[in-house]
């Protein structure tokens, strides 16, 4: 599915995901009104039980967490950045105007007030690239409370990599993230800007 279609699909899910929970919230709040006037001939809503309120809180918490991941995924699709874990093996795809690159991590070592992270970048295009500008992001993990505050706490950095990214090959790149705490580099984002393209002449 194209990136634009993915983004529209995720945004549609975010808009509709709130509806059942809002309906339940209004029903419970209506039942908790107590002193509100009830029109003649209309039965007053039954007071919500403690169990219902507790279940609503849990449902809202789950919805907020789901919304966070949807927002993160949409932003990742729109920006083209890859999200790489330093705790688990695996890779993500960074999208550039020339094509996709895989990104994974291959080790973390402490460095001054931060860390050195070795990235393994796979060039899936048919072209070679001499150097790249890397856009890096890291920060505290999401606590499920305030998405906007979490966004503000994220750190950003741009650096130039002089490596040659050969077509169909992996290239290891070492980046420095500082200042950074151990919990802030469990997951990092990586984006690329490429301009020195090299193709073979036949």
C-alpha atoms as a PDB file:
ATOM      1  CA  UNK A   1       0.000   0.000   0.000  1.00  0.00           C
ATOM      2  CA  UNK A   2       1.455   3.481  -0.894  1.00  0.00           C
ATOM      3  CA  UNK A   3       2.641   5.707   1.945  1.00  0.00           C
ATOM      4  CA  UNK A   4      -0.128   8.275   1.350  1.00  0.00           C
ATOM      5  CA  UNK A   5      -2.792   5.540   1.526  1.00  0.00           C
ATOM      6  CA  UNK A   6      -1.289   4.244   4.781  1.00  0.00           C
ATOM      7  CA  UNK A   7      -1.398   7.716   6.300  1.00  0.00           C
ATOM      8  CA  UNK A   8      -5.048   8.272   5.298  1.00  0.00           C
ATOM      9  CA  UNK A   9      -5.963   4.833   6.647  1.00  0.00           C
ATOM     10  CA  UNK A  10      -4.322   5.449  10.034  1.00  0.00           C
ATOM     11  CA  UNK A  11      -5.896   8.906  10.353  1.00  0.00           C
ATOM     12  CA  UNK A  12      -9.314   7.417   9.609  1.00  0.00           C
ATOM     13  CA  UNK A  13      -8.796   4.864  12.377  1.00  0.00           C
ATOM     14  CA  UNK A  14      -7.847   7.632  14.830  1.00  0.00           C
ATOM     15  CA  UNK A  15     -11.013   9.597  14.019  1.00  0.00           C
ATOM     16  CA  UNK A  16     -13.344   6.630  14.476  1.00  0.00           C
ATOM     17  CA  UNK A  17     -11.592   4.974  17.411  1.00  0.00           C
ATOM     18  CA  UNK A  18     -12.837   7.594  19.867  1.00  0.00           C
ATOM     19  CA  UNK A  19     -16.556   7.243  19.094  1.00  0.00           C
ATOM     20  CA  UNK A  20     -17.556   4.227  21.228  1.00  0.00           C
ATOM     21  CA  UNK A  21     -15.568   5.503  24.205  1.00  0.00           C
ATOM     22  CA  UNK A  22     -17.076   8.982  23.959  1.00  0.00           C
ATOM     23  CA  UNK A  23     -20.554   7.472  23.877  1.00  0.00           C
ATOM     24  CA  UNK A  24     -19.794   5.413  26.973  1.00  0.00           C
ATOM     25  CA  UNK A  25     -18.301   8.434  28.738  1.00  0.00           C
ATOM     26  CA  UNK A  26     -21.359  10.580  28.076  1.00  0.00           C
ATOM     27  CA  UNK A  27     -23.637   7.802  29.305  1.00  0.00           C
ATOM     28  CA  UNK A  28     -21.729   7.443  32.566  1.00  0.00           C
ATOM     29  CA  UNK A  29     -21.361  11.173  33.107  1.00  0.00           C
ATOM     30  CA  UNK A  30     -25.070  11.559  32.501  1.00  0.00           C
ATOM     31  CA  UNK A  31     -25.735   8.952  35.151  1.00  0.00           C
ATOM     32  CA  UNK A  32     -23.474  10.711  37.633  1.00  0.00           C
ATOM     33  CA  UNK A  33     -25.186  14.094  37.270  1.00  0.00           C
ATOM     34  CA  UNK A  34     -27.178  13.683  40.485  1.00  0.00           C
ATOM     35  CA  UNK A  35     -28.658  17.180  40.771  1.00  0.00           C
ATOM     36  CA  UNK A  36     -29.373  17.837  37.091  1.00  0.00           C
ATOM     37  CA  UNK A  37     -32.989  18.366  36.194  1.00  0.00           C
ATOM     38  CA  UNK A  38     -34.844  15.609  34.308  1.00  0.00           C
ATOM     39  CA  UNK A  39     -37.713  16.584  31.983  1.00  0.00           C
ATOM     40  CA  UNK A  40     -41.162  15.386  32.999  1.00  0.00           C
ATOM     41  CA  UNK A  41     -42.011  11.952  31.666  1.00  0.00           C
ATOM     42  CA  UNK A  42     -38.329  11.052  31.069  1.00  0.00           C
ATOM     43  CA  UNK A  43     -36.740   8.468  33.321  1.00  0.00           C
ATOM     44  CA  UNK A  44     -33.562   9.708  35.047  1.00  0.00           C
ATOM     45  CA  UNK A  45     -30.406   7.812  34.050  1.00  0.00           C
ATOM     46  CA  UNK A  46     -29.200   5.155  36.461  1.00  0.00           C
ATOM     47  CA  UNK A  47     -26.053   6.042  38.437  1.00  0.00           C
ATOM     48  CA  UNK A  48     -22.928   4.364  37.092  1.00  0.00           C
ATOM     49  CA  UNK A  49     -21.377   1.725  39.276  1.00  0.00           C
ATOM     50  CA  UNK A  50     -17.786   1.890  40.497  1.00  0.00           C
ATOM     51  CA  UNK A  51     -16.985  -1.067  38.254  1.00  0.00           C
ATOM     52  CA  UNK A  52     -18.251   0.757  35.167  1.00  0.00           C
ATOM     53  CA  UNK A  53     -16.201   3.842  35.989  1.00  0.00           C
ATOM     54  CA  UNK A  54     -13.082   1.747  36.548  1.00  0.00           C
ATOM     55  CA  UNK A  55     -13.636  -0.084  33.264  1.00  0.00           C
ATOM     56  CA  UNK A  56     -14.101   3.256  31.471  1.00  0.00           C
ATOM     57  CA  UNK A  57     -10.791   4.523  32.861  1.00  0.00           C
ATOM     58  CA  UNK A  58      -9.029   1.376  31.663  1.00  0.00           C
ATOM     59  CA  UNK A  59     -10.635   1.678  28.231  1.00  0.00           C
ATOM     60  CA  UNK A  60      -9.581   5.319  27.922  1.00  0.00           C
ATOM     61  CA  UNK A  61      -6.008   4.412  28.953  1.00  0.00           C
ATOM     62  CA  UNK A  62      -5.895   1.691  26.306  1.00  0.00           C
ATOM     63  CA  UNK A  63      -7.299   4.096  23.719  1.00  0.00           C
ATOM     64  CA  UNK A  64      -4.687   6.735  24.560  1.00  0.00           C
ATOM     65  CA  UNK A  65      -1.902   4.174  24.151  1.00  0.00           C
ATOM     66  CA  UNK A  66      -3.320   2.980  20.825  1.00  0.00           C
ATOM     67  CA  UNK A  67      -3.635   6.594  19.673  1.00  0.00           C
ATOM     68  CA  UNK A  68      -0.010   7.259  20.597  1.00  0.00           C
ATOM     69  CA  UNK A  69       1.224   4.388  18.457  1.00  0.00           C
ATOM     70  CA  UNK A  70      -1.005   5.456  15.573  1.00  0.00           C
ATOM     71  CA  UNK A  71       0.314   9.025  15.779  1.00  0.00           C
ATOM     72  CA  UNK A  72       3.891   7.769  15.888  1.00  0.00           C
ATOM     73  CA  UNK A  73       3.293   5.528  12.898  1.00  0.00           C
ATOM     74  CA  UNK A  74       1.664   8.325  10.884  1.00  0.00           C
ATOM     75  CA  UNK A  75       4.530  10.713  11.651  1.00  0.00           C
ATOM     76  CA  UNK A  76       7.023   8.015  10.680  1.00  0.00           C
ATOM     77  CA  UNK A  77       5.251   7.399   7.368  1.00  0.00           C
ATOM     78  CA  UNK A  78       5.022  11.120   6.605  1.00  0.00           C
ATOM     79  CA  UNK A  79       8.658  11.856   7.497  1.00  0.00           C
ATOM     80  CA  UNK A  80      10.149   8.705   5.974  1.00  0.00           C
ATOM     81  CA  UNK A  81      12.169   8.006   9.135  1.00  0.00           C
ATOM     82  CA  UNK A  82      12.962   4.522  10.404  1.00  0.00           C
ATOM     83  CA  UNK A  83      12.538   3.542  14.057  1.00  0.00           C
ATOM     84  CA  UNK A  84      15.325   1.284  15.327  1.00  0.00           C
ATOM     85  CA  UNK A  85      15.400  -0.573  18.649  1.00  0.00           C
ATOM     86  CA  UNK A  86      18.663  -0.913  20.565  1.00  0.00           C
ATOM     87  CA  UNK A  87      17.211  -3.742  22.666  1.00  0.00           C
ATOM     88  CA  UNK A  88      15.856  -6.115  20.013  1.00  0.00           C
ATOM     89  CA  UNK A  89      17.117  -7.485  16.713  1.00  0.00           C
ATOM     90  CA  UNK A  90      15.167  -6.369  13.690  1.00  0.00           C
ATOM     91  CA  UNK A  91      15.036  -3.528  11.204  1.00  0.00           C
ATOM     92  CA  UNK A  92      12.798  -0.755   9.941  1.00  0.00           C
ATOM     93  CA  UNK A  93      12.611   1.052   6.603  1.00  0.00           C
ATOM     94  CA  UNK A  94      13.718   4.652   6.031  1.00  0.00           C
ATOM     95  CA  UNK A  95      12.228   6.124   2.841  1.00  0.00           C
ATOM     96  CA  UNK A  96      14.100   8.625   0.701  1.00  0.00           C
ATOM     97  CA  UNK A  97      13.362  10.264  -2.647  1.00  0.00           C
ATOM     98  CA  UNK A  98      15.697   7.712  -4.251  1.00  0.00           C
ATOM     99  CA  UNK A  99      14.257   4.623  -2.588  1.00  0.00           C
ATOM    100  CA  UNK A 100      14.213   2.644   0.696  1.00  0.00           C
ATOM    101  CA  UNK A 101      17.019   1.919   3.165  1.00  0.00           C
ATOM    102  CA  UNK A 102      16.910  -0.599   6.014  1.00  0.00           C
ATOM    103  CA  UNK A 103      18.113   0.497   9.462  1.00  0.00           C
ATOM    104  CA  UNK A 104      19.051  -1.702  12.431  1.00  0.00           C
ATOM    105  CA  UNK A 105      21.392  -1.370  15.429  1.00  0.00           C
ATOM    106  CA  UNK A 106      24.553  -3.376  16.064  1.00  0.00           C
ATOM    107  CA  UNK A 107      25.727  -2.258  19.485  1.00  0.00           C
ATOM    108  CA  UNK A 108      25.645   0.556  22.051  1.00  0.00           C
ATOM    109  CA  UNK A 109      28.551   1.835  24.168  1.00  0.00           C
ATOM    110  CA  UNK A 110      28.642   4.654  26.770  1.00  0.00           C
ATOM    111  CA  UNK A 111      30.368   7.840  25.621  1.00  0.00           C
ATOM    112  CA  UNK A 112      30.794  10.972  27.792  1.00  0.00           C
ATOM    113  CA  UNK A 113      27.235  11.983  28.824  1.00  0.00           C
ATOM    114  CA  UNK A 114      25.610   9.889  26.119  1.00  0.00           C
ATOM    115  CA  UNK A 115      26.149   6.840  23.938  1.00  0.00           C
ATOM    116  CA  UNK A 116      27.705   5.674  20.702  1.00  0.00           C
ATOM    117  CA  UNK A 117      25.301   3.623  18.592  1.00  0.00           C
ATOM    118  CA  UNK A 118      26.389   1.505  15.641  1.00  0.00           C
ATOM    119  CA  UNK A 119      23.793   1.546  12.872  1.00  0.00           C
ATOM    120  CA  UNK A 120      23.694  -0.975  10.035  1.00  0.00           C
ATOM    121  CA  UNK A 121      22.230   0.636   6.929  1.00  0.00           C
ATOM    122  CA  UNK A 122      21.107  -1.433   3.959  1.00  0.00           C
ATOM    123  CA  UNK A 123      20.886   0.262   0.561  1.00  0.00           C
ATOM    124  CA  UNK A 124      17.954  -1.338  -1.284  1.00  0.00           C
ATOM    125  CA  UNK A 125      18.250   0.950  -4.323  1.00  0.00           C
ATOM    126  CA  UNK A 126      20.171   0.365  -7.559  1.00  0.00           C
ATOM    127  CA  UNK A 127      22.448   3.360  -6.983  1.00  0.00           C
ATOM    128  CA  UNK A 128      25.530   4.048  -4.881  1.00  0.00           C
ATOM    129  CA  UNK A 129      25.635   7.102  -2.622  1.00  0.00           C
ATOM    130  CA  UNK A 130      28.714   8.953  -1.361  1.00  0.00           C
ATOM    131  CA  UNK A 131      27.841  10.245   2.083  1.00  0.00           C
ATOM    132  CA  UNK A 132      24.529  11.252   3.596  1.00  0.00           C
ATOM    133  CA  UNK A 133      22.973  13.614   6.106  1.00  0.00           C
ATOM    134  CA  UNK A 134      21.485  11.624   8.991  1.00  0.00           C
ATOM    135  CA  UNK A 135      18.550  12.969  10.994  1.00  0.00           C
ATOM    136  CA  UNK A 136      18.530  11.327  14.429  1.00  0.00           C
ATOM    137  CA  UNK A 137      15.940  11.396  17.198  1.00  0.00           C
ATOM    138  CA  UNK A 138      15.848   9.960  20.726  1.00  0.00           C
ATOM    139  CA  UNK A 139      14.255  10.688  24.089  1.00  0.00           C
ATOM    140  CA  UNK A 140      12.305   9.292  27.048  1.00  0.00           C
ATOM    141  CA  UNK A 141       9.806   6.504  26.343  1.00  0.00           C
ATOM    142  CA  UNK A 142       6.137   7.415  26.185  1.00  0.00           C
ATOM    143  CA  UNK A 143       4.436   7.167  29.605  1.00  0.00           C
ATOM    144  CA  UNK A 144       0.877   7.053  28.266  1.00  0.00           C
ATOM    145  CA  UNK A 145      -0.073  10.439  29.750  1.00  0.00           C
ATOM    146  CA  UNK A 146       0.608  13.491  27.603  1.00  0.00           C
ATOM    147  CA  UNK A 147       1.606  13.014  23.973  1.00  0.00           C
ATOM    148  CA  UNK A 148       2.429  16.687  23.376  1.00  0.00           C
ATOM    149  CA  UNK A 149       4.759  16.841  26.407  1.00  0.00           C
ATOM    150  CA  UNK A 150       6.425  13.620  25.292  1.00  0.00           C
ATOM    151  CA  UNK A 151       7.035  15.123  21.859  1.00  0.00           C
ATOM    152  CA  UNK A 152       8.656  18.215  23.389  1.00  0.00           C
ATOM    153  CA  UNK A 153      11.043  16.012  25.409  1.00  0.00           C
ATOM    154  CA  UNK A 154      12.409  14.291  22.289  1.00  0.00           C
ATOM    155  CA  UNK A 155      15.936  15.248  21.213  1.00  0.00           C
ATOM    156  CA  UNK A 156      16.968  15.825  17.593  1.00  0.00           C
ATOM    157  CA  UNK A 157      20.328  15.899  15.866  1.00  0.00           C
ATOM    158  CA  UNK A 158      21.677  16.078  12.314  1.00  0.00           C
ATOM    159  CA  UNK A 159      25.076  14.737  11.319  1.00  0.00           C
ATOM    160  CA  UNK A 160      27.006  14.115   8.114  1.00  0.00           C
ATOM    161  CA  UNK A 161      28.150  10.585   7.346  1.00  0.00           C
ATOM    162  CA  UNK A 162      31.069  10.240   4.946  1.00  0.00           C
ATOM    163  CA  UNK A 163      30.474   6.527   4.342  1.00  0.00           C
ATOM    164  CA  UNK A 164      29.837   5.133   0.885  1.00  0.00           C
ATOM    165  CA  UNK A 165      26.461   3.400   0.697  1.00  0.00           C
ATOM    166  CA  UNK A 166      26.861   0.816  -2.043  1.00  0.00           C
ATOM    167  CA  UNK A 167      23.857  -0.583  -3.880  1.00  0.00           C
ATOM    168  CA  UNK A 168      22.511  -3.834  -2.452  1.00  0.00           C
ATOM    169  CA  UNK A 169      24.938  -3.694   0.487  1.00  0.00           C
ATOM    170  CA  UNK A 170      25.086  -3.033   4.217  1.00  0.00           C
ATOM    171  CA  UNK A 171      27.137  -0.151   5.616  1.00  0.00           C
ATOM    172  CA  UNK A 172      27.919   0.341   9.315  1.00  0.00           C
ATOM    173  CA  UNK A 173      27.696   3.915  10.606  1.00  0.00           C
ATOM    174  CA  UNK A 174      28.563   5.005  14.153  1.00  0.00           C
ATOM    175  CA  UNK A 175      26.526   7.885  15.601  1.00  0.00           C
ATOM    176  CA  UNK A 176      26.849   9.723  18.907  1.00  0.00           C
ATOM    177  CA  UNK A 177      23.721  10.574  20.884  1.00  0.00           C
ATOM    178  CA  UNK A 178      24.272  13.042  23.708  1.00  0.00           C
ATOM    179  CA  UNK A 179      23.111  14.014  26.176  1.00  0.00           C
ATOM    180  CA  UNK A 180      21.234  10.771  26.663  1.00  0.00           C
ATOM    181  CA  UNK A 181      20.180   8.432  29.458  1.00  0.00           C
ATOM    182  CA  UNK A 182      19.964   4.643  28.992  1.00  0.00           C
ATOM    183  CA  UNK A 183      16.159   4.675  28.833  1.00  0.00           C
ATOM    184  CA  UNK A 184      16.230   7.437  26.190  1.00  0.00           C
ATOM    185  CA  UNK A 185      18.028   5.369  23.549  1.00  0.00           C
ATOM    186  CA  UNK A 186      15.928   2.211  23.726  1.00  0.00           C
ATOM    187  CA  UNK A 187      14.323   3.381  20.487  1.00  0.00           C
ATOM    188  CA  UNK A 188      15.795   5.904  18.045  1.00  0.00           C
ATOM    189  CA  UNK A 189      14.598   7.395  14.759  1.00  0.00           C
ATOM    190  CA  UNK A 190      16.825   7.681  11.698  1.00  0.00           C
ATOM    191  CA  UNK A 191      16.182   9.650   8.512  1.00  0.00           C
ATOM    192  CA  UNK A 192      18.367  10.253   5.455  1.00  0.00           C
ATOM    193  CA  UNK A 193      19.093  13.076   3.040  1.00  0.00           C
ATOM    194  CA  UNK A 194      21.034  11.916  -0.015  1.00  0.00           C
ATOM    195  CA  UNK A 195      22.407  13.991  -2.896  1.00  0.00           C
ATOM    196  CA  UNK A 196      25.666  12.424  -4.133  1.00  0.00           C
ATOM    197  CA  UNK A 197      24.266   9.680  -6.335  1.00  0.00           C
ATOM    198  CA  UNK A 198      26.463   7.428  -8.430  1.00  0.00           C
ATOM    199  CA  UNK A 199      25.270   5.081 -11.213  1.00  0.00           C
ATOM    200  CA  UNK A 200      27.244   2.721 -13.399  1.00  0.00           C
ATOM    201  CA  UNK A 201      27.650   3.628 -17.072  1.00  0.00           C
ATOM    202  CA  UNK A 202      27.277   0.790 -19.611  1.00  0.00           C
END
